[in-house]
């Protein structure tokens, strides 16, 4: 199994744009900004995939709101908050303002963008 994470940015009109995970990781690690997202919050969706299978096997879908500072680096404090209690997202009534669960239409968009 070759597990990879694939990322997509959802725009306000429902479109999706791939986001290179290496670039995103550098913005998270405060090494290199993503200037196109400076000062914004993006709706980031994606999937964990088994890239060793053809067709690509999607193992899990996820969604997160990611905040960027004015330079385009990921806001570390808000990113840490998004990870807190992420295991509780499936519990009824639990809300985390930084996490969203892709619905069936959003999962279909993610799947289509990955294939």
Protein backbone atom coordinates (compact mmCIF):
# COMPACT_ATOMS: atom_id res chain seq x y z
CA UNK A 1 0.00 0.00 0.00
CA UNK A 2 1.30 3.45 -0.93
CA UNK A 3 -0.68 5.92 1.22
CA UNK A 4 -0.75 9.54 0.07
CA UNK A 5 -2.74 12.62 1.05
CA UNK A 6 -4.29 14.63 -1.78
CA UNK A 7 -5.57 18.16 -1.18
CA UNK A 8 -8.15 20.34 -2.91
CA UNK A 9 -9.35 23.87 -2.28
CA UNK A 10 -13.12 24.37 -2.53
CA UNK A 11 -14.09 27.81 -3.81
CA UNK A 12 -17.28 29.71 -2.95
CA UNK A 13 -18.97 28.50 -6.13
CA UNK A 14 -18.30 24.84 -5.32
CA UNK A 15 -15.38 24.36 -7.70
CA UNK A 16 -12.27 22.51 -6.64
CA UNK A 17 -8.61 23.29 -7.32
CA UNK A 18 -5.77 20.88 -6.49
CA UNK A 19 -3.27 22.09 -3.88
CA UNK A 20 0.22 20.62 -3.90
CA UNK A 21 0.75 18.93 -0.53
CA UNK A 22 4.45 19.80 -0.43
CA UNK A 23 3.66 23.51 -0.90
CA UNK A 24 0.97 23.31 1.77
CA UNK A 25 3.32 21.54 4.18
CA UNK A 26 5.91 24.30 3.73
CA UNK A 27 3.27 26.92 4.59
CA UNK A 28 2.29 24.89 7.66
CA UNK A 29 5.94 24.64 8.73
CA UNK A 30 6.33 28.42 8.27
CA UNK A 31 9.00 27.87 5.60
CA UNK A 32 7.35 29.15 2.43
CA UNK A 33 4.12 31.13 2.07
CA UNK A 34 1.22 30.42 -0.22
CA UNK A 35 0.82 34.06 -1.25
CA UNK A 36 -2.39 33.37 -3.17
CA UNK A 37 -4.12 32.60 0.17
CA UNK A 38 -2.60 35.42 2.24
CA UNK A 39 -5.07 36.78 4.78
CA UNK A 40 -7.74 34.25 3.83
CA UNK A 41 -9.49 31.22 5.19
CA UNK A 42 -9.84 28.39 2.70
CA UNK A 43 -12.11 25.38 2.66
CA UNK A 44 -9.62 22.56 2.23
CA UNK A 45 -10.85 19.11 1.34
CA UNK A 46 -9.08 15.99 0.41
CA UNK A 47 -8.56 12.32 0.74
CA UNK A 48 -6.15 9.70 1.93
CA UNK A 49 -5.55 7.42 -1.00
CA UNK A 50 -3.77 4.20 -1.85
CA UNK A 51 -1.76 5.50 -4.77
CA UNK A 52 -0.45 2.00 -5.44
CA UNK A 53 -3.81 0.86 -6.78
CA UNK A 54 -5.27 1.56 -10.20
CA UNK A 55 -7.76 3.04 -10.26
CA UNK A 56 -6.73 5.13 -7.27
CA UNK A 57 -8.37 3.81 -4.09
CA UNK A 58 -9.82 6.47 -1.78
CA UNK A 59 -9.50 5.34 1.83
CA UNK A 60 -10.85 8.39 3.67
CA UNK A 61 -12.27 11.85 2.94
CA UNK A 62 -11.69 14.90 5.14
CA UNK A 63 -12.37 18.62 5.31
CA UNK A 64 -10.83 21.50 7.21
CA UNK A 65 -10.95 25.28 7.26
CA UNK A 66 -7.39 26.61 7.08
CA UNK A 67 -6.48 30.17 8.01
CA UNK A 68 -3.51 32.00 6.50
CA UNK A 69 -1.79 35.04 7.93
CA UNK A 70 -1.07 38.18 5.91
CA UNK A 71 2.13 36.64 4.53
CA UNK A 72 0.42 33.44 3.33
CA UNK A 73 1.69 31.15 6.08
CA UNK A 74 -0.74 28.85 7.87
CA UNK A 75 -1.94 30.26 11.18
CA UNK A 76 -0.33 27.82 13.62
CA UNK A 77 -2.66 28.51 16.55
CA UNK A 78 -5.79 27.91 14.50
CA UNK A 79 -4.28 24.83 12.88
CA UNK A 80 -3.56 23.41 16.33
CA UNK A 81 -7.14 24.15 17.38
CA UNK A 82 -8.42 22.26 14.36
CA UNK A 83 -6.53 19.16 15.48
CA UNK A 84 -7.84 19.27 19.04
CA UNK A 85 -10.59 16.77 19.55
CA UNK A 86 -10.64 15.86 15.84
CA UNK A 87 -11.44 12.31 16.95
CA UNK A 88 -14.79 13.60 18.28
CA UNK A 89 -16.00 14.97 14.91
CA UNK A 90 -18.18 11.91 14.31
CA UNK A 91 -19.92 12.26 17.67
CA UNK A 92 -23.47 13.53 17.44
CA UNK A 93 -23.75 17.20 18.28
CA UNK A 94 -20.00 17.86 18.36
CA UNK A 95 -18.85 20.93 16.44
CA UNK A 96 -15.34 22.06 15.66
CA UNK A 97 -15.33 25.35 13.77
CA UNK A 98 -12.20 24.30 11.89
CA UNK A 99 -13.45 20.93 10.62
CA UNK A 100 -16.12 20.08 8.07
CA UNK A 101 -17.22 16.65 6.92
CA UNK A 102 -17.60 16.35 3.14
CA UNK A 103 -21.12 15.38 2.12
CA UNK A 104 -21.83 12.98 -0.74
CA UNK A 105 -21.67 15.73 -3.40
CA UNK A 106 -18.37 17.04 -2.04
CA UNK A 107 -16.95 13.51 -1.85
CA UNK A 108 -17.94 13.03 -5.50
CA UNK A 109 -16.11 16.24 -6.44
CA UNK A 110 -13.02 15.10 -4.57
CA UNK A 111 -13.13 11.68 -6.22
CA UNK A 112 -13.60 13.18 -9.69
CA UNK A 113 -10.69 15.59 -9.17
CA UNK A 114 -8.39 12.77 -8.07
CA UNK A 115 -9.08 10.48 -11.01
